PDB file of N, CA and C in Angstrom:
ATOM      1  N   UNK A   1     340.219  74.778  52.556  1.00  0.00           N
ATOM      2  CA  UNK A   1     338.883  75.234  52.193  1.00  0.00           C
ATOM      3  C   UNK A   1     338.983  76.571  51.474  1.00  0.00           C
ATOM      4  N   UNK A   2     338.222  76.782  50.368  1.00  0.00           N
ATOM      5  CA  UNK A   2     338.280  78.044  49.638  1.00  0.00           C
ATOM      6  C   UNK A   2     337.753  79.202  50.472  1.00  0.00           C
ATOM      7  N   UNK A   3     338.254  80.371  50.192  1.00  0.00           N
ATOM      8  CA  UNK A   3     337.769  81.573  50.857  1.00  0.00           C
ATOM      9  C   UNK A   3     337.180  82.498  49.813  1.00  0.00           C
ATOM     10  N   UNK A   4     336.675  83.646  50.248  1.00  0.00           N
ATOM     11  CA  UNK A   4     336.068  84.607  49.325  1.00  0.00           C
ATOM     12  C   UNK A   4     337.090  85.127  48.321  1.00  0.00           C
ATOM     13  N   UNK A   5     338.363  85.116  48.673  1.00  0.00           N
ATOM     14  CA  UNK A   5     339.372  85.656  47.771  1.00  0.00           C
ATOM     15  C   UNK A   5     340.046  84.598  46.914  1.00  0.00           C
ATOM     16  N   UNK A   6     339.902  83.314  47.256  1.00  0.00           N
ATOM     17  CA  UNK A   6     340.515  82.253  46.463  1.00  0.00           C
ATOM     18  C   UNK A   6     339.469  81.202  46.084  1.00  0.00           C
ATOM     19  N   UNK A   7     338.596  81.521  45.139  1.00  0.00           N
ATOM     20  CA  UNK A   7     337.555  80.553  44.773  1.00  0.00           C
ATOM     21  C   UNK A   7     338.108  79.382  43.973  1.00  0.00           C
ATOM     22  N   UNK A   8     337.407  78.284  44.033  1.00  0.00           N
ATOM     23  CA  UNK A   8     337.751  77.140  43.203  1.00  0.00           C
ATOM     24  C   UNK A   8     337.290  77.441  41.778  1.00  0.00           C
ATOM     25  N   UNK A   9     337.661  76.608  40.804  1.00  0.00           N
ATOM     26  CA  UNK A   9     337.215  76.856  39.427  1.00  0.00           C
ATOM     27  C   UNK A   9     335.684  76.910  39.336  1.00  0.00           C
ATOM     28  N   UNK A  10     335.175  77.697  38.424  1.00  0.00           N
ATOM     29  CA  UNK A  10     333.728  77.876  38.281  1.00  0.00           C
ATOM     30  C   UNK A  10     333.035  76.566  37.929  1.00  0.00           C
ATOM     31  N   UNK A  11     333.767  75.625  37.385  1.00  0.00           N
ATOM     32  CA  UNK A  11     333.175  74.328  37.051  1.00  0.00           C
ATOM     33  C   UNK A  11     332.819  73.522  38.299  1.00  0.00           C
ATOM     34  N   UNK A  12     333.413  73.872  39.446  1.00  0.00           N
ATOM     35  CA  UNK A  12     333.088  73.197  40.705  1.00  0.00           C
ATOM     36  C   UNK A  12     331.952  73.941  41.396  1.00  0.00           C
ATOM     37  N   UNK A  13     330.966  73.209  41.953  1.00  0.00           N
ATOM     38  CA  UNK A  13     329.855  73.879  42.622  1.00  0.00           C
ATOM     39  C   UNK A  13     330.273  74.512  43.940  1.00  0.00           C
ATOM     40  N   UNK A  14     329.494  75.487  44.368  1.00  0.00           N
ATOM     41  CA  UNK A  14     329.654  76.083  45.685  1.00  0.00           C
ATOM     42  C   UNK A  14     329.342  74.994  46.721  1.00  0.00           C
ATOM     43  N   UNK A  15     330.033  74.951  47.851  1.00  0.00           N
ATOM     44  CA  UNK A  15     329.739  73.920  48.862  1.00  0.00           C
ATOM     45  C   UNK A  15     328.271  73.884  49.288  1.00  0.00           C
ATOM     46  N   UNK A  16     327.577  75.009  49.235  1.00  0.00           N
ATOM     47  CA  UNK A  16     326.162  75.028  49.629  1.00  0.00           C
ATOM     48  C   UNK A  16     325.308  74.177  48.697  1.00  0.00           C
ATOM     49  N   UNK A  17     325.725  74.033  47.434  1.00  0.00           N
ATOM     50  CA  UNK A  17     324.963  73.228  46.478  1.00  0.00           C
ATOM     51  C   UNK A  17     325.050  71.743  46.800  1.00  0.00           C
ATOM     52  N   UNK A  18     326.061  71.352  47.527  1.00  0.00           N
ATOM     53  CA  UNK A  18     326.251  69.939  47.844  1.00  0.00           C
ATOM     54  C   UNK A  18     325.388  69.476  49.008  1.00  0.00           C
ATOM     55  N   UNK A  19     324.843  70.410  49.790  1.00  0.00           N
ATOM     56  CA  UNK A  19     324.074  70.033  50.980  1.00  0.00           C
ATOM     57  C   UNK A  19     322.602  70.424  50.895  1.00  0.00           C
ATOM     58  N   UNK A  20     322.145  70.902  49.746  1.00  0.00           N
ATOM     59  CA  UNK A  20     320.740  71.271  49.609  1.00  0.00           C
ATOM     60  C   UNK A  20     320.068  70.341  48.600  1.00  0.00           C
ATOM     61  N   UNK A  21     318.734  70.279  48.614  1.00  0.00           N
ATOM     62  CA  UNK A  21     318.040  69.438  47.637  1.00  0.00           C
ATOM     63  C   UNK A  21     318.341  69.888  46.207  1.00  0.00           C
ATOM     64  N   UNK A  22     318.386  68.957  45.287  1.00  0.00           N
ATOM     65  CA  UNK A  22     318.719  69.248  43.896  1.00  0.00           C
ATOM     66  C   UNK A  22     317.841  70.293  43.248  1.00  0.00           C
ATOM     67  N   UNK A  23     316.558  70.352  43.610  1.00  0.00           N
ATOM     68  CA  UNK A  23     315.665  71.327  42.993  1.00  0.00           C
ATOM     69  C   UNK A  23     315.933  72.755  43.477  1.00  0.00           C
ATOM     70  N   UNK A  24     316.769  72.928  44.504  1.00  0.00           N
ATOM     71  CA  UNK A  24     317.116  74.257  45.011  1.00  0.00           C
ATOM     72  C   UNK A  24     318.436  74.777  44.454  1.00  0.00           C
ATOM     73  N   UNK A  25     319.081  73.995  43.603  1.00  0.00           N
ATOM     74  CA  UNK A  25     320.358  74.389  43.009  1.00  0.00           C
ATOM     75  C   UNK A  25     320.091  75.207  41.747  1.00  0.00           C
ATOM     76  N   UNK A  26     320.841  76.297  41.608  1.00  0.00           N
ATOM     77  CA  UNK A  26     320.730  77.146  40.425  1.00  0.00           C
ATOM     78  C   UNK A  26     322.029  77.898  40.220  1.00  0.00           C
ATOM     79  N   UNK A  27     322.129  78.667  39.141  1.00  0.00           N
ATOM     80  CA  UNK A  27     323.367  79.397  38.854  1.00  0.00           C
ATOM     81  C   UNK A  27     323.510  80.664  39.681  1.00  0.00           C
ATOM     82  N   UNK A  28     324.726  80.943  40.129  1.00  0.00           N
ATOM     83  CA  UNK A  28     325.037  82.195  40.815  1.00  0.00           C
ATOM     84  C   UNK A  28     324.718  83.340  39.860  1.00  0.00           C
ATOM     85  N   UNK A  29     324.190  84.423  40.369  1.00  0.00           N
ATOM     86  CA  UNK A  29     323.826  85.569  39.537  1.00  0.00           C
ATOM     87  C   UNK A  29     325.047  86.263  38.940  1.00  0.00           C
ATOM     88  N   UNK A  30     326.232  86.042  39.494  1.00  0.00           N
ATOM     89  CA  UNK A  30     327.438  86.698  38.991  1.00  0.00           C
ATOM     90  C   UNK A  30     328.296  85.765  38.151  1.00  0.00           C
ATOM     91  N   UNK A  31     328.714  84.637  38.712  1.00  0.00           N
ATOM     92  CA  UNK A  31     329.679  83.767  38.028  1.00  0.00           C
ATOM     93  C   UNK A  31     329.054  82.527  37.392  1.00  0.00           C
ATOM     94  N   UNK A  32     327.771  82.276  37.628  1.00  0.00           N
ATOM     95  CA  UNK A  32     327.035  81.135  37.077  1.00  0.00           C
ATOM     96  C   UNK A  32     327.430  79.784  37.670  1.00  0.00           C
ATOM     97  N   UNK A  33     328.200  79.795  38.776  1.00  0.00           N
ATOM     98  CA  UNK A  33     328.561  78.551  39.471  1.00  0.00           C
ATOM     99  C   UNK A  33     327.295  77.963  40.106  1.00  0.00           C
ATOM    100  N   UNK A  34     327.165  76.645  40.146  1.00  0.00           N
ATOM    101  CA  UNK A  34     326.026  76.022  40.809  1.00  0.00           C
ATOM    102  C   UNK A  34     326.073  76.346  42.289  1.00  0.00           C
ATOM    103  N   UNK A  35     324.945  76.802  42.837  1.00  0.00           N
ATOM    104  CA  UNK A  35     324.869  77.174  44.242  1.00  0.00           C
ATOM    105  C   UNK A  35     323.459  76.932  44.764  1.00  0.00           C
ATOM    106  N   UNK A  36     323.280  76.975  46.073  1.00  0.00           N
ATOM    107  CA  UNK A  36     321.949  76.861  46.695  1.00  0.00           C
ATOM    108  C   UNK A  36     321.248  78.197  46.480  1.00  0.00           C
ATOM    109  N   UNK A  37     320.458  78.277  45.419  1.00  0.00           N
ATOM    110  CA  UNK A  37     319.861  79.542  45.010  1.00  0.00           C
ATOM    111  C   UNK A  37     318.395  79.670  45.404  1.00  0.00           C
ATOM    112  N   UNK A  38     317.681  78.581  45.433  1.00  0.00           N
ATOM    113  CA  UNK A  38     316.233  78.640  45.645  1.00  0.00           C
ATOM    114  C   UNK A  38     315.840  78.022  46.980  1.00  0.00           C
ATOM    115  N   UNK A  39     314.645  78.357  47.453  1.00  0.00           N
ATOM    116  CA  UNK A  39     314.115  77.787  48.677  1.00  0.00           C
ATOM    117  C   UNK A  39     314.697  78.435  49.922  1.00  0.00           C
ATOM    118  N   UNK A  40     314.315  77.905  51.065  1.00  0.00           N
ATOM    119  CA  UNK A  40     314.756  78.441  52.350  1.00  0.00           C
ATOM    120  C   UNK A  40     316.278  78.353  52.473  1.00  0.00           C
ATOM    121  N   UNK A  41     316.913  79.470  52.757  1.00  0.00           N
ATOM    122  CA  UNK A  41     318.363  79.513  52.914  1.00  0.00           C
ATOM    123  C   UNK A  41     319.119  79.787  51.631  1.00  0.00           C
ATOM    124  N   UNK A  42     318.424  79.875  50.507  1.00  0.00           N
ATOM    125  CA  UNK A  42     319.085  80.126  49.231  1.00  0.00           C
ATOM    126  C   UNK A  42     319.434  81.592  49.046  1.00  0.00           C
ATOM    127  N   UNK A  43     320.467  81.853  48.267  1.00  0.00           N
ATOM    128  CA  UNK A  43     320.918  83.211  47.947  1.00  0.00           C
ATOM    129  C   UNK A  43     321.166  83.304  46.446  1.00  0.00           C
ATOM    130  N   UNK A  44     321.050  84.491  45.853  1.00  0.00           N
ATOM    131  CA  UNK A  44     321.328  84.620  44.424  1.00  0.00           C
ATOM    132  C   UNK A  44     322.811  84.548  44.087  1.00  0.00           C
ATOM    133  N   UNK A  45     323.693  84.650  45.082  1.00  0.00           N
ATOM    134  CA  UNK A  45     325.136  84.625  44.853  1.00  0.00           C
ATOM    135  C   UNK A  45     325.755  83.409  45.533  1.00  0.00           C
ATOM    136  N   UNK A  46     326.812  82.860  44.916  1.00  0.00           N
ATOM    137  CA  UNK A  46     327.547  81.779  45.571  1.00  0.00           C
ATOM    138  C   UNK A  46     328.342  82.372  46.739  1.00  0.00           C
ATOM    139  N   UNK A  47     328.933  81.535  47.537  1.00  0.00           N
ATOM    140  CA  UNK A  47     329.680  81.996  48.709  1.00  0.00           C
ATOM    141  C   UNK A  47     330.820  82.942  48.369  1.00  0.00           C
ATOM    142  N   UNK A  48     331.505  82.687  47.255  1.00  0.00           N
ATOM    143  CA  UNK A  48     332.637  83.540  46.897  1.00  0.00           C
ATOM    144  C   UNK A  48     332.177  84.907  46.403  1.00  0.00           C
ATOM    145  N   UNK A  49     331.143  84.934  45.560  1.00  0.00           N
ATOM    146  CA  UNK A  49     330.639  86.224  45.061  1.00  0.00           C
ATOM    147  C   UNK A  49     330.006  87.028  46.191  1.00  0.00           C
ATOM    148  N   UNK A  50     329.318  86.354  47.114  1.00  0.00           N
ATOM    149  CA  UNK A  50     328.732  87.049  48.256  1.00  0.00           C
ATOM    150  C   UNK A  50     329.838  87.612  49.146  1.00  0.00           C
ATOM    151  N   UNK A  51     330.926  86.848  49.304  1.00  0.00           N
ATOM    152  CA  UNK A  51     332.058  87.328  50.097  1.00  0.00           C
ATOM    153  C   UNK A  51     332.689  88.577  49.503  1.00  0.00           C
ATOM    154  N   UNK A  52     332.832  88.598  48.179  1.00  0.00           N
ATOM    155  CA  UNK A  52     333.381  89.786  47.517  1.00  0.00           C
ATOM    156  C   UNK A  52     332.437  90.979  47.677  1.00  0.00           C
ATOM    157  N   UNK A  53     331.128  90.738  47.614  1.00  0.00           N
ATOM    158  CA  UNK A  53     330.158  91.815  47.807  1.00  0.00           C
ATOM    159  C   UNK A  53     330.276  92.385  49.211  1.00  0.00           C
ATOM    160  N   UNK A  54     330.443  91.514  50.203  1.00  0.00           N
ATOM    161  CA  UNK A  54     330.598  91.985  51.591  1.00  0.00           C
ATOM    162  C   UNK A  54     331.879  92.788  51.760  1.00  0.00           C
ATOM    163  N   UNK A  55     332.960  92.379  51.072  1.00  0.00           N
ATOM    164  CA  UNK A  55     334.213  93.127  51.156  1.00  0.00           C
ATOM    165  C   UNK A  55     334.030  94.533  50.591  1.00  0.00           C
ATOM    166  N   UNK A  56     333.282  94.653  49.519  1.00  0.00           N
ATOM    167  CA  UNK A  56     333.070  95.959  48.890  1.00  0.00           C
ATOM    168  C   UNK A  56     332.077  96.830  49.652  1.00  0.00           C
ATOM    169  N   UNK A  57     330.998  96.226  50.153  1.00  0.00           N
ATOM    170  CA  UNK A  57     329.911  97.003  50.739  1.00  0.00           C
ATOM    171  C   UNK A  57     329.863  96.956  52.257  1.00  0.00           C
ATOM    172  N   UNK A  58     330.659  96.113  52.889  1.00  0.00           N
ATOM    173  CA  UNK A  58     330.671  96.028  54.345  1.00  0.00           C
ATOM    174  C   UNK A  58     329.802  94.898  54.861  1.00  0.00           C
ATOM    175  N   UNK A  59     329.845  94.684  56.152  1.00  0.00           N
ATOM    176  CA  UNK A  59     329.138  93.550  56.750  1.00  0.00           C
ATOM    177  C   UNK A  59     327.632  93.744  56.800  1.00  0.00           C
ATOM    178  N   UNK A  60     327.153  94.929  56.516  1.00  0.00           N
ATOM    179  CA  UNK A  60     325.712  95.173  56.525  1.00  0.00           C
ATOM    180  C   UNK A  60     325.002  94.615  55.304  1.00  0.00           C
ATOM    181  N   UNK A  61     325.747  94.214  54.271  1.00  0.00           N
ATOM    182  CA  UNK A  61     325.111  93.690  53.065  1.00  0.00           C
ATOM    183  C   UNK A  61     324.529  92.313  53.355  1.00  0.00           C
ATOM    184  N   UNK A  62     323.310  92.103  52.916  1.00  0.00           N
ATOM    185  CA  UNK A  62     322.656  90.809  53.050  1.00  0.00           C
ATOM    186  C   UNK A  62     321.547  90.736  52.015  1.00  0.00           C
ATOM    187  N   UNK A  63     321.085  89.565  51.755  1.00  0.00           N
ATOM    188  CA  UNK A  63     320.040  89.365  50.763  1.00  0.00           C
ATOM    189  C   UNK A  63     318.686  89.526  51.423  1.00  0.00           C
ATOM    190  N   UNK A  64     317.857  90.384  50.859  1.00  0.00           N
ATOM    191  CA  UNK A  64     316.483  90.537  51.326  1.00  0.00           C
ATOM    192  C   UNK A  64     315.579  89.795  50.357  1.00  0.00           C
ATOM    193  N   UNK A  65     314.774  88.902  50.872  1.00  0.00           N
ATOM    194  CA  UNK A  65     313.904  88.118  50.005  1.00  0.00           C
ATOM    195  C   UNK A  65     312.933  88.995  49.233  1.00  0.00           C
ATOM    196  N   UNK A  66     312.561  88.534  48.068  1.00  0.00           N
ATOM    197  CA  UNK A  66     311.606  89.277  47.243  1.00  0.00           C
ATOM    198  C   UNK A  66     310.203  88.732  47.387  1.00  0.00           C
ATOM    199  N   UNK A  67     310.062  87.661  48.134  1.00  0.00           N
ATOM    200  CA  UNK A  67     308.742  87.027  48.307  1.00  0.00           C
ATOM    201  C   UNK A  67     308.338  87.025  49.770  1.00  0.00           C
ATOM    202  N   UNK A  68     308.091  88.177  50.307  1.00  0.00           N
ATOM    203  CA  UNK A  68     307.682  88.268  51.730  1.00  0.00           C
ATOM    204  C   UNK A  68     306.196  88.140  51.898  1.00  0.00           C
TER     205      UNK A  68
END
C-alpha cells in the first residue's frame, strides 16, 4: 500500500476516490490526482499530499470546512 512518502503515479487515483460517489471526485489541489474532494469527508488534498503537509506542519494540521 502506498504511503505519504511513496505515492503511486499521478495518473492513478487516490484510494479515497475509489470508495466515494463519482460526483464527489475532483482534482487534488496540489498534484491534480483524482481524490474524494467534495461532499462529506472530502478534502482538497489527496492522501499523499495531505501526508506531506502533516509531515511539514505537524499532526495539528487538518482541513477546516469553508461552508459551516
